[in-house]
Amino acid sequence: FRQRIKYDKIKSVKLVTNFLSSMAMTKDRIEIKV
């Protein structure tokens, strides 16, 4: 799986800690909203 996120499309970022299914293999994550 690959994903490209353009900087000008990023709406918000924040530090999160969760186990939701995603591309992250850890619970300590950065959430990026587009």
Full PDB file with SEQRES, HELIX, SHEET, SSBOND, CRYST1, ORIGX, SCALE, CONECT and MASTER records, all heavy atoms in Angstrom:
SEQRES   1 A   34  PHE ARG GLN ARG ILE LYS TYR ASP LYS ILE LYS SER VAL          
SEQRES   2 A   34  LYS LEU VAL THR ASN PHE LEU SER SER MET ALA MET THR          
SEQRES   3 A   34  LYS ASP ARG ILE GLU ILE LYS VAL                              
HELIX    1 AA1 TYR A    7  LYS A    9  5                                   3    
SHEET    1 AA1 2 SER A  12  THR A  17  0                                        
SHEET    2 AA1 2 ASP A  28  LYS A  33 -1                                        
CRYST1    1.000    1.000    1.000  90.00  90.00  90.00 P 1           1          
ORIGX1      1.000000  0.000000  0.000000        0.00000                         
ORIGX2      0.000000  1.000000  0.000000        0.00000                         
ORIGX3      0.000000  0.000000  1.000000        0.00000                         
SCALE1      1.000000  0.000000  0.000000        0.00000                         
SCALE2      0.000000  1.000000  0.000000        0.00000                         
SCALE3      0.000000  0.000000  1.000000        0.00000                         
ATOM      1  N   PHE A   1       0.831  -1.205   0.000  1.00  0.00           N  
ATOM      2  CA  PHE A   1       0.000   0.000   0.000  1.00  0.00           C  
ATOM      3  C   PHE A   1       0.866   1.255   0.000  1.00  0.00           C  
ATOM      4  O   PHE A   1       1.811   1.362   0.770  1.00  0.00           O  
ATOM      5  CB  PHE A   1      -0.928   0.015   1.213  1.00  0.00           C  
ATOM      6  CG  PHE A   1      -1.837  -1.169   1.269  1.00  0.00           C  
ATOM      7  CD1 PHE A   1      -1.578  -2.221   2.123  1.00  0.00           C  
ATOM      8  CD2 PHE A   1      -2.954  -1.240   0.438  1.00  0.00           C  
ATOM      9  CE1 PHE A   1      -2.406  -3.330   2.162  1.00  0.00           C  
ATOM     10  CE2 PHE A   1      -3.791  -2.338   0.472  1.00  0.00           C  
ATOM     11  CZ  PHE A   1      -3.511  -3.388   1.336  1.00  0.00           C  
ATOM     12  N   ARG A   2       0.485   2.210  -0.861  1.00  0.00           N  
ATOM     13  CA  ARG A   2       1.210   3.473  -0.962  1.00  0.00           C  
ATOM     14  C   ARG A   2       0.204   4.619  -0.991  1.00  0.00           C  
ATOM     15  O   ARG A   2      -0.886   4.475  -1.538  1.00  0.00           O  
ATOM     16  CB  ARG A   2       2.044   3.505  -2.229  1.00  0.00           C  
ATOM     17  CG  ARG A   2       3.179   2.522  -2.197  1.00  0.00           C  
ATOM     18  CD  ARG A   2       3.861   2.456  -3.544  1.00  0.00           C  
ATOM     19  NE  ARG A   2       5.014   1.592  -3.507  1.00  0.00           N  
ATOM     20  CZ  ARG A   2       4.980   0.269  -3.579  1.00  0.00           C  
ATOM     21  NH1 ARG A   2       3.828  -0.341  -3.699  1.00  0.00           N  
ATOM     22  NH2 ARG A   2       6.074  -0.439  -3.540  1.00  0.00           N  
ATOM     23  N   GLN A   3       0.618   5.747  -0.391  1.00  0.00           N  
ATOM     24  CA  GLN A   3      -0.247   6.929  -0.426  1.00  0.00           C  
ATOM     25  C   GLN A   3       0.628   8.162  -0.525  1.00  0.00           C  
ATOM     26  O   GLN A   3       1.675   8.258   0.119  1.00  0.00           O  
ATOM     27  CB  GLN A   3      -1.116   6.993   0.831  1.00  0.00           C  
ATOM     28  CG  GLN A   3      -2.092   8.142   0.811  1.00  0.00           C  
ATOM     29  CD  GLN A   3      -3.036   8.122   2.004  1.00  0.00           C  
ATOM     30  OE1 GLN A   3      -2.842   7.412   2.974  1.00  0.00           O  
ATOM     31  NE2 GLN A   3      -4.072   8.931   1.914  1.00  0.00           N  
ATOM     32  N   ARG A   4       0.181   9.103  -1.336  1.00  0.00           N  
ATOM     33  CA  ARG A   4       0.857  10.395  -1.474  1.00  0.00           C  
ATOM     34  C   ARG A   4      -0.131  11.472  -1.047  1.00  0.00           C  
ATOM     35  O   ARG A   4      -1.245  11.518  -1.554  1.00  0.00           O  
ATOM     36  CB  ARG A   4       1.295  10.610  -2.910  1.00  0.00           C  
ATOM     37  CG  ARG A   4       2.395   9.689  -3.348  1.00  0.00           C  
ATOM     38  CD  ARG A   4       2.690   9.866  -4.837  1.00  0.00           C  
ATOM     39  NE  ARG A   4       3.834   9.099  -5.243  1.00  0.00           N  
ATOM     40  CZ  ARG A   4       3.815   7.811  -5.577  1.00  0.00           C  
ATOM     41  NH1 ARG A   4       2.670   7.155  -5.558  1.00  0.00           N  
ATOM     42  NH2 ARG A   4       4.913   7.195  -5.939  1.00  0.00           N  
ATOM     43  N   ILE A   5       0.302  12.336  -0.138  1.00  0.00           N  
ATOM     44  CA  ILE A   5      -0.562  13.410   0.353  1.00  0.00           C  
ATOM     45  C   ILE A   5       0.142  14.730   0.073  1.00  0.00           C  
ATOM     46  O   ILE A   5       1.191  15.017   0.654  1.00  0.00           O  
ATOM     47  CB  ILE A   5      -0.829  13.269   1.869  1.00  0.00           C  
ATOM     48  CG1 ILE A   5      -1.375  11.884   2.188  1.00  0.00           C  
ATOM     49  CG2 ILE A   5      -1.774  14.360   2.337  1.00  0.00           C  
ATOM     50  CD1 ILE A   5      -1.391  11.555   3.676  1.00  0.00           C  
ATOM     51  N   LYS A   6      -0.416  15.516  -0.830  1.00  0.00           N  
ATOM     52  CA  LYS A   6       0.170  16.820  -1.174  1.00  0.00           C  
ATOM     53  C   LYS A   6       0.053  17.768   0.013  1.00  0.00           C  
ATOM     54  O   LYS A   6      -0.979  17.807   0.681  1.00  0.00           O  
ATOM     55  CB  LYS A   6      -0.551  17.430  -2.383  1.00  0.00           C  
ATOM     56  CG  LYS A   6      -0.448  16.611  -3.631  1.00  0.00           C  
ATOM     57  CD  LYS A   6       0.843  16.894  -4.325  1.00  0.00           C  
ATOM     58  CE  LYS A   6       0.847  16.195  -5.684  1.00  0.00           C  
ATOM     59  NZ  LYS A   6       2.135  16.321  -6.316  1.00  0.00           N  
ATOM     60  N   TYR A   7       1.096  18.544   0.263  1.00  0.00           N  
ATOM     61  CA  TYR A   7       1.105  19.474   1.400  1.00  0.00           C  
ATOM     62  C   TYR A   7      -0.041  20.485   1.316  1.00  0.00           C  
ATOM     63  O   TYR A   7      -0.644  20.812   2.331  1.00  0.00           O  
ATOM     64  CB  TYR A   7       2.431  20.229   1.487  1.00  0.00           C  
ATOM     65  CG  TYR A   7       3.614  19.346   1.774  1.00  0.00           C  
ATOM     66  CD1 TYR A   7       4.795  19.487   1.061  1.00  0.00           C  
ATOM     67  CD2 TYR A   7       3.573  18.384   2.769  1.00  0.00           C  
ATOM     68  CE1 TYR A   7       5.897  18.693   1.331  1.00  0.00           C  
ATOM     69  CE2 TYR A   7       4.664  17.579   3.043  1.00  0.00           C  
ATOM     70  CZ  TYR A   7       5.824  17.746   2.312  1.00  0.00           C  
ATOM     71  OH  TYR A   7       6.911  16.957   2.579  1.00  0.00           O  
ATOM     72  N   ASP A   8      -0.340  20.962   0.118  1.00  0.00           N  
ATOM     73  CA  ASP A   8      -1.396  21.976  -0.015  1.00  0.00           C  
ATOM     74  C   ASP A   8      -2.798  21.406   0.169  1.00  0.00           C  
ATOM     75  O   ASP A   8      -3.758  22.153   0.280  1.00  0.00           O  
ATOM     76  CB  ASP A   8      -1.282  22.723  -1.335  1.00  0.00           C  
ATOM     77  CG  ASP A   8      -1.425  21.831  -2.555  1.00  0.00           C  
ATOM     78  OD1 ASP A   8      -1.421  20.583  -2.410  1.00  0.00           O  
ATOM     79  OD2 ASP A   8      -1.539  22.370  -3.661  1.00  0.00           O  
ATOM     80  N   LYS A   9      -2.947  20.095   0.230  1.00  0.00           N  
ATOM     81  CA  LYS A   9      -4.241  19.446   0.468  1.00  0.00           C  
ATOM     82  C   LYS A   9      -4.466  19.124   1.949  1.00  0.00           C  
ATOM     83  O   LYS A   9      -5.565  18.727   2.328  1.00  0.00           O  
ATOM     84  CB  LYS A   9      -4.356  18.146  -0.336  1.00  0.00           C  
ATOM     85  CG  LYS A   9      -4.252  18.342  -1.826  1.00  0.00           C  
ATOM     86  CD  LYS A   9      -5.471  19.017  -2.362  1.00  0.00           C  
ATOM     87  CE  LYS A   9      -5.385  19.128  -3.875  1.00  0.00           C  
ATOM     88  NZ  LYS A   9      -6.457  19.902  -4.430  1.00  0.00           N  
ATOM     89  N   ILE A  10      -3.433  19.267   2.776  1.00  0.00           N  
ATOM     90  CA  ILE A  10      -3.548  18.912   4.191  1.00  0.00           C  
ATOM     91  C   ILE A  10      -4.339  19.974   4.934  1.00  0.00           C  
ATOM     92  O   ILE A  10      -4.018  21.156   4.883  1.00  0.00           O  
ATOM     93  CB  ILE A  10      -2.161  18.707   4.825  1.00  0.00           C  
ATOM     94  CG1 ILE A  10      -1.478  17.504   4.170  1.00  0.00           C  
ATOM     95  CG2 ILE A  10      -2.278  18.508   6.329  1.00  0.00           C  
ATOM     96  CD1 ILE A  10      -0.066  17.244   4.639  1.00  0.00           C  
ATOM     97  N   LYS A  11      -5.381  19.543   5.603  1.00  0.00           N  
ATOM     98  CA  LYS A  11      -6.267  20.429   6.361  1.00  0.00           C  
ATOM     99  C   LYS A  11      -5.810  20.564   7.808  1.00  0.00           C  
ATOM    100  O   LYS A  11      -5.759  21.657   8.356  1.00  0.00           O  
ATOM    101  CB  LYS A  11      -7.686  19.857   6.328  1.00  0.00           C  
ATOM    102  CG  LYS A  11      -8.701  20.622   7.118  1.00  0.00           C  
ATOM    103  CD  LYS A  11     -10.062  19.943   7.018  1.00  0.00           C  
ATOM    104  CE  LYS A  11     -11.081  20.660   7.861  1.00  0.00           C  
ATOM    105  NZ  LYS A  11     -12.387  20.004   7.768  1.00  0.00           N  
ATOM    106  N   SER A  12      -5.496  19.431   8.461  1.00  0.00           N  
ATOM    107  CA  SER A  12      -5.069  19.477   9.861  1.00  0.00           C  
ATOM    108  C   SER A  12      -4.198  18.277  10.198  1.00  0.00           C  
ATOM    109  O   SER A  12      -4.242  17.252   9.516  1.00  0.00           O  
ATOM    110  CB  SER A  12      -6.285  19.510  10.799  1.00  0.00           C  
ATOM    111  OG  SER A  12      -7.002  18.301  10.719  1.00  0.00           O  
ATOM    112  N   VAL A  13      -3.411  18.434  11.247  1.00  0.00           N  
ATOM    113  CA  VAL A  13      -2.576  17.355  11.776  1.00  0.00           C  
ATOM    114  C   VAL A  13      -2.656  17.383  13.293  1.00  0.00           C  
ATOM    115  O   VAL A  13      -2.858  18.439  13.888  1.00  0.00           O  
ATOM    116  CB  VAL A  13      -1.097  17.472  11.334  1.00  0.00           C  
ATOM    117  CG1 VAL A  13      -0.949  17.318   9.841  1.00  0.00           C  
ATOM    118  CG2 VAL A  13      -0.484  18.766  11.798  1.00  0.00           C  
ATOM    119  N   LYS A  14      -2.539  16.209  13.901  1.00  0.00           N  
ATOM    120  CA  LYS A  14      -2.476  16.160  15.353  1.00  0.00           C  
ATOM    121  C   LYS A  14      -1.884  14.823  15.790  1.00  0.00           C  
ATOM    122  O   LYS A  14      -1.952  13.832  15.065  1.00  0.00           O  
ATOM    123  CB  LYS A  14      -3.844  16.375  15.988  1.00  0.00           C  
ATOM    124  CG  LYS A  14      -4.852  15.276  15.770  1.00  0.00           C  
ATOM    125  CD  LYS A  14      -6.150  15.589  16.513  1.00  0.00           C  
ATOM    126  CE  LYS A  14      -7.193  14.523  16.249  1.00  0.00           C  
ATOM    127  NZ  LYS A  14      -8.423  14.762  16.990  1.00  0.00           N  
ATOM    128  N   LEU A  15      -1.307  14.817  16.980  1.00  0.00           N  
ATOM    129  CA  LEU A  15      -0.787  13.597  17.571  1.00  0.00           C  
ATOM    130  C   LEU A  15      -1.953  12.817  18.157  1.00  0.00           C  
ATOM    131  O   LEU A  15      -2.822  13.396  18.818  1.00  0.00           O  
ATOM    132  CB  LEU A  15       0.224  13.917  18.679  1.00  0.00           C  
ATOM    133  CG  LEU A  15       1.500  14.632  18.239  1.00  0.00           C  
ATOM    134  CD1 LEU A  15       2.350  14.973  19.440  1.00  0.00           C  
ATOM    135  CD2 LEU A  15       2.289  13.777  17.265  1.00  0.00           C  
ATOM    136  N   VAL A  16      -2.003  11.523  17.909  1.00  0.00           N  
ATOM    137  CA  VAL A  16      -3.065  10.673  18.454  1.00  0.00           C  
ATOM    138  C   VAL A  16      -2.451   9.371  18.957  1.00  0.00           C  
ATOM    139  O   VAL A  16      -1.352   8.981  18.547  1.00  0.00           O  
ATOM    140  CB  VAL A  16      -4.166  10.363  17.411  1.00  0.00           C  
ATOM    141  CG1 VAL A  16      -4.923  11.613  17.025  1.00  0.00           C  
ATOM    142  CG2 VAL A  16      -3.613   9.686  16.185  1.00  0.00           C  
ATOM    143  N   THR A  17      -3.181   8.725  19.839  1.00  0.00           N  
ATOM    144  CA  THR A  17      -2.809   7.403  20.327  1.00  0.00           C  
ATOM    145  C   THR A  17      -4.052   6.530  20.225  1.00  0.00           C  
ATOM    146  O   THR A  17      -5.005   6.736  20.966  1.00  0.00           O  
ATOM    147  CB  THR A  17      -2.342   7.470  21.792  1.00  0.00           C  
ATOM    148  OG1 THR A  17      -1.260   8.390  21.875  1.00  0.00           O  
ATOM    149  CG2 THR A  17      -1.885   6.111  22.282  1.00  0.00           C  
ATOM    150  N   ASN A  18      -4.047   5.607  19.253  1.00  0.00           N  
ATOM    151  CA  ASN A  18      -5.190   4.711  19.099  1.00  0.00           C  
ATOM    152  C   ASN A  18      -4.773   3.472  18.318  1.00  0.00           C  
ATOM    153  O   ASN A  18      -3.677   3.388  17.791  1.00  0.00           O  
ATOM    154  CB  ASN A  18      -6.368   5.414  18.447  1.00  0.00           C  
ATOM    155  CG  ASN A  18      -6.083   5.878  17.049  1.00  0.00           C  
ATOM    156  OD1 ASN A  18      -5.318   5.268  16.321  1.00  0.00           O  
ATOM    157  ND2 ASN A  18      -6.703   6.965  16.644  1.00  0.00           N  
ATOM    158  N   PHE A  19      -5.681   2.523  18.244  1.00  0.00           N  
ATOM    159  CA  PHE A  19      -5.421   1.276  17.535  1.00  0.00           C  
ATOM    160  C   PHE A  19      -6.317   1.102  16.313  1.00  0.00           C  
ATOM    161  O   PHE A  19      -6.523   0.000  15.851  1.00  0.00           O  
ATOM    162  CB  PHE A  19      -5.641   0.085  18.485  1.00  0.00           C  
ATOM    163  CG  PHE A  19      -4.589  -0.016  19.548  1.00  0.00           C  
ATOM    164  CD1 PHE A  19      -4.869   0.366  20.844  1.00  0.00           C  
ATOM    165  CD2 PHE A  19      -3.331  -0.498  19.254  1.00  0.00           C  
ATOM    166  CE1 PHE A  19      -3.905   0.265  21.828  1.00  0.00           C  
ATOM    167  CE2 PHE A  19      -2.360  -0.599  20.233  1.00  0.00           C  
ATOM    168  CZ  PHE A  19      -2.652  -0.207  21.523  1.00  0.00           C  
ATOM    169  N   LEU A  20      -6.878   2.205  15.799  1.00  0.00           N  
ATOM    170  CA  LEU A  20      -7.719   2.110  14.610  1.00  0.00           C  
ATOM    171  C   LEU A  20      -6.928   1.522  13.450  1.00  0.00           C  
ATOM    172  O   LEU A  20      -5.728   1.724  13.335  1.00  0.00           O  
ATOM    173  CB  LEU A  20      -8.245   3.486  14.215  1.00  0.00           C  
ATOM    174  CG  LEU A  20      -9.227   4.148  15.165  1.00  0.00           C  
ATOM    175  CD1 LEU A  20      -9.561   5.548  14.678  1.00  0.00           C  
ATOM    176  CD2 LEU A  20     -10.485   3.322  15.305  1.00  0.00           C  
ATOM    177  N   SER A  21      -7.616   0.840  12.589  1.00  0.00           N  
ATOM    178  CA  SER A  21      -6.973   0.274  11.417  1.00  0.00           C  
ATOM    179  C   SER A  21      -6.458   1.403  10.533  1.00  0.00           C  
ATOM    180  O   SER A  21      -7.184   2.336  10.221  1.00  0.00           O  
ATOM    181  CB  SER A  21      -7.982  -0.566  10.640  1.00  0.00           C  
ATOM    182  OG  SER A  21      -7.390  -1.051   9.466  1.00  0.00           O  
ATOM    183  N   SER A  22      -5.209   1.327  10.175  1.00  0.00           N  
ATOM    184  CA  SER A  22      -4.615   2.350   9.323  1.00  0.00           C  
ATOM    185  C   SER A  22      -3.281   1.870   8.808  1.00  0.00           C  
ATOM    186  O   SER A  22      -2.881   0.732   9.041  1.00  0.00           O  
ATOM    187  CB  SER A  22      -4.432   3.651  10.106  1.00  0.00           C  
ATOM    188  OG  SER A  22      -3.390   3.493  11.031  1.00  0.00           O  
ATOM    189  N   MET A  23      -2.563   2.774   8.149  1.00  0.00           N  
ATOM    190  CA  MET A  23      -1.262   2.427   7.610  1.00  0.00           C  
ATOM    191  C   MET A  23      -0.174   2.458   8.675  1.00  0.00           C  
ATOM    192  O   MET A  23       0.959   2.107   8.397  1.00  0.00           O  
ATOM    193  CB  MET A  23      -0.915   3.367   6.458  1.00  0.00           C  
ATOM    194  CG  MET A  23      -1.843   3.199   5.280  1.00  0.00           C  
ATOM    195  SD  MET A  23      -1.469   4.254   3.901  1.00  0.00           S  
ATOM    196  CE  MET A  23      -0.035   3.445   3.236  1.00  0.00           C  
ATOM    197  N   ALA A  24      -0.479   2.866   9.868  1.00  0.00           N  
ATOM    198  CA  ALA A  24       0.516   2.934  10.938  1.00  0.00           C  
ATOM    199  C   ALA A  24       0.624   1.593  11.646  1.00  0.00           C  
ATOM    200  O   ALA A  24      -0.373   0.950  11.929  1.00  0.00           O  
ATOM    201  CB  ALA A  24       0.145   4.015  11.940  1.00  0.00           C  
ATOM    202  N   MET A  25       1.838   1.192  11.944  1.00  0.00           N  
ATOM    203  CA  MET A  25       2.071  -0.077  12.628  1.00  0.00           C  
ATOM    204  C   MET A  25       2.281   0.126  14.124  1.00  0.00           C  
ATOM    205  O   MET A  25       2.781  -0.749  14.803  1.00  0.00           O  
ATOM    206  CB  MET A  25       3.291  -0.775  12.013  1.00  0.00           C  
ATOM    207  CG  MET A  25       3.137  -1.114  10.545  1.00  0.00           C  
ATOM    208  SD  MET A  25       1.785  -2.236  10.214  1.00  0.00           S  
ATOM    209  CE  MET A  25       2.420  -3.725  10.913  1.00  0.00           C  
ATOM    210  N   THR A  26       1.935   1.273  14.644  1.00  0.00           N  
ATOM    211  CA  THR A  26       2.102   1.600  16.042  1.00  0.00           C  
ATOM    212  C   THR A  26       0.848   2.302  16.545  1.00  0.00           C  
ATOM    213  O   THR A  26       0.052   2.792  15.765  1.00  0.00           O  
ATOM    214  CB  THR A  26       3.343   2.494  16.249  1.00  0.00           C  
ATOM    215  OG1 THR A  26       3.465   2.815  17.618  1.00  0.00           O  
ATOM    216  CG2 THR A  26       3.244   3.776  15.443  1.00  0.00           C  
ATOM    217  N   LYS A  27       0.680   2.375  17.859  1.00  0.00           N  
ATOM    218  CA  LYS A  27      -0.473   3.089  18.411  1.00  0.00           C  
ATOM    219  C   LYS A  27      -0.203   4.586  18.539  1.00  0.00           C  
ATOM    220  O   LYS A  27      -1.124   5.374  18.635  1.00  0.00           O  
ATOM    221  CB  LYS A  27      -0.890   2.497  19.755  1.00  0.00           C  
ATOM    222  CG  LYS A  27       0.087   2.743  20.876  1.00  0.00           C  
ATOM    223  CD  LYS A  27      -0.464   2.205  22.191  1.00  0.00           C  
ATOM    224  CE  LYS A  27       0.480   2.458  23.332  1.00  0.00           C  
ATOM    225  NZ  LYS A  27       0.688   3.849  23.653  1.00  0.00           N  
ATOM    226  N   ASP A  28       1.051   5.000  18.558  1.00  0.00           N  
ATOM    227  CA  ASP A  28       1.427   6.419  18.640  1.00  0.00           C  
ATOM    228  C   ASP A  28       1.540   6.955  17.222  1.00  0.00           C  
ATOM    229  O   ASP A  28       2.478   6.640  16.505  1.00  0.00           O  
ATOM    230  CB  ASP A  28       2.741   6.591  19.390  1.00  0.00           C  
ATOM    231  CG  ASP A  28       2.647   6.109  20.819  1.00  0.00           C  
ATOM    232  OD1 ASP A  28       1.607   6.358  21.448  1.00  0.00           O  
ATOM    233  OD2 ASP A  28       3.604   5.488  21.311  1.00  0.00           O  
ATOM    234  N   ARG A  29       0.584   7.796  16.846  1.00  0.00           N  
ATOM    235  CA  ARG A  29       0.454   8.181  15.445  1.00  0.00           C  
ATOM    236  C   ARG A  29       0.279   9.678  15.252  1.00  0.00           C  
ATOM    237  O   ARG A  29      -0.003  10.413  16.178  1.00  0.00           O  
ATOM    238  CB  ARG A  29      -0.782   7.488  14.856  1.00  0.00           C  
ATOM    239  CG  ARG A  29      -0.725   5.999  14.989  1.00  0.00           C  
ATOM    240  CD  ARG A  29      -2.021   5.379  14.653  1.00  0.00           C  
ATOM    241  NE  ARG A  29      -1.899   3.931  14.730  1.00  0.00           N  
ATOM    242  CZ  ARG A  29      -2.813   3.101  14.328  1.00  0.00           C  
ATOM    243  NH1 ARG A  29      -3.936   3.554  13.826  1.00  0.00           N  
ATOM    244  NH2 ARG A  29      -2.627   1.811  14.421  1.00  0.00           N  
ATOM    245  N   ILE A  30       0.388  10.052  14.000  1.00  0.00           N  
ATOM    246  CA  ILE A  30       0.034  11.402  13.563  1.00  0.00           C  
ATOM    247  C   ILE A  30      -1.193  11.238  12.672  1.00  0.00           C  
ATOM    248  O   ILE A  30      -1.191  10.433  11.749  1.00  0.00           O  
ATOM    249  CB  ILE A  30       1.175  12.062  12.773  1.00  0.00           C  
ATOM    250  CG1 ILE A  30       2.395  12.256  13.662  1.00  0.00           C  
ATOM    251  CG2 ILE A  30       0.713  13.395  12.177  1.00  0.00           C  
ATOM    252  CD1 ILE A  30       3.626  12.747  12.923  1.00  0.00           C  
ATOM    253  N   GLU A  31      -2.231  12.008  12.972  1.00  0.00           N  
ATOM    254  CA  GLU A  31      -3.440  11.990  12.154  1.00  0.00           C  
ATOM    255  C   GLU A  31      -3.374  13.150  11.172  1.00  0.00           C  
ATOM    256  O   GLU A  31      -3.183  14.295  11.568  1.00  0.00           O  
ATOM    257  CB  GLU A  31      -4.674  12.130  13.045  1.00  0.00           C  
ATOM    258  CG  GLU A  31      -5.975  12.139  12.271  1.00  0.00           C  
ATOM    259  CD  GLU A  31      -7.163  12.330  13.188  1.00  0.00           C  
ATOM    260  OE1 GLU A  31      -7.506  13.505  13.443  1.00  0.00           O  
ATOM    261  OE2 GLU A  31      -7.715  11.329  13.650  1.00  0.00           O  
ATOM    262  N   ILE A  32      -3.531  12.841   9.894  1.00  0.00           N  
ATOM    263  CA  ILE A  32      -3.530  13.851   8.831  1.00  0.00           C  
ATOM    264  C   ILE A  32      -4.910  13.853   8.188  1.00  0.00           C  
ATOM    265  O   ILE A  32      -5.381  12.814   7.727  1.00  0.00           O  
ATOM    266  CB  ILE A  32      -2.466  13.549   7.761  1.00  0.00           C  
ATOM    267  CG1 ILE A  32      -1.073  13.491   8.395  1.00  0.00           C  
ATOM    268  CG2 ILE A  32      -2.525  14.581   6.640  1.00  0.00           C  
ATOM    269  CD1 ILE A  32       0.011  13.033   7.433  1.00  0.00           C  
ATOM    270  N   LYS A  33      -5.554  15.020   8.167  1.00  0.00           N  
ATOM    271  CA  LYS A  33      -6.844  15.164   7.485  1.00  0.00           C  
ATOM    272  C   LYS A  33      -6.642  16.016   6.242  1.00  0.00           C  
ATOM    273  O   LYS A  33      -5.917  17.002   6.265  1.00  0.00           O  
ATOM    274  CB  LYS A  33      -7.881  15.798   8.405  1.00  0.00           C  
ATOM    275  CG  LYS A  33      -8.296  14.868   9.526  1.00  0.00           C  
ATOM    276  CD  LYS A  33      -9.483  15.394  10.257  1.00  0.00           C  
ATOM    277  CE  LYS A  33      -9.884  14.408  11.340  1.00  0.00           C  
ATOM    278  NZ  LYS A  33     -11.041  14.865  12.082  1.00  0.00           N  
ATOM    279  N   VAL A  34      -7.346  15.631   5.170  1.00  0.00           N  
ATOM    280  CA  VAL A  34      -7.196  16.266   3.871  1.00  0.00           C  
ATOM    281  C   VAL A  34      -8.451  17.055   3.534  1.00  0.00           C  
ATOM    282  O   VAL A  34      -9.565  16.620   3.830  1.00  0.00           O  
ATOM    283  CB  VAL A  34      -6.926  15.179   2.799  1.00  0.00           C  
ATOM    284  CG1 VAL A  34      -6.809  15.787   1.422  1.00  0.00           C  
ATOM    285  CG2 VAL A  34      -5.674  14.396   3.136  1.00  0.00           C  
TER     286      VAL A  34                                                      
MASTER        0    0    0    1    2    0    0    6  285    1    0    3          
END                                                                             
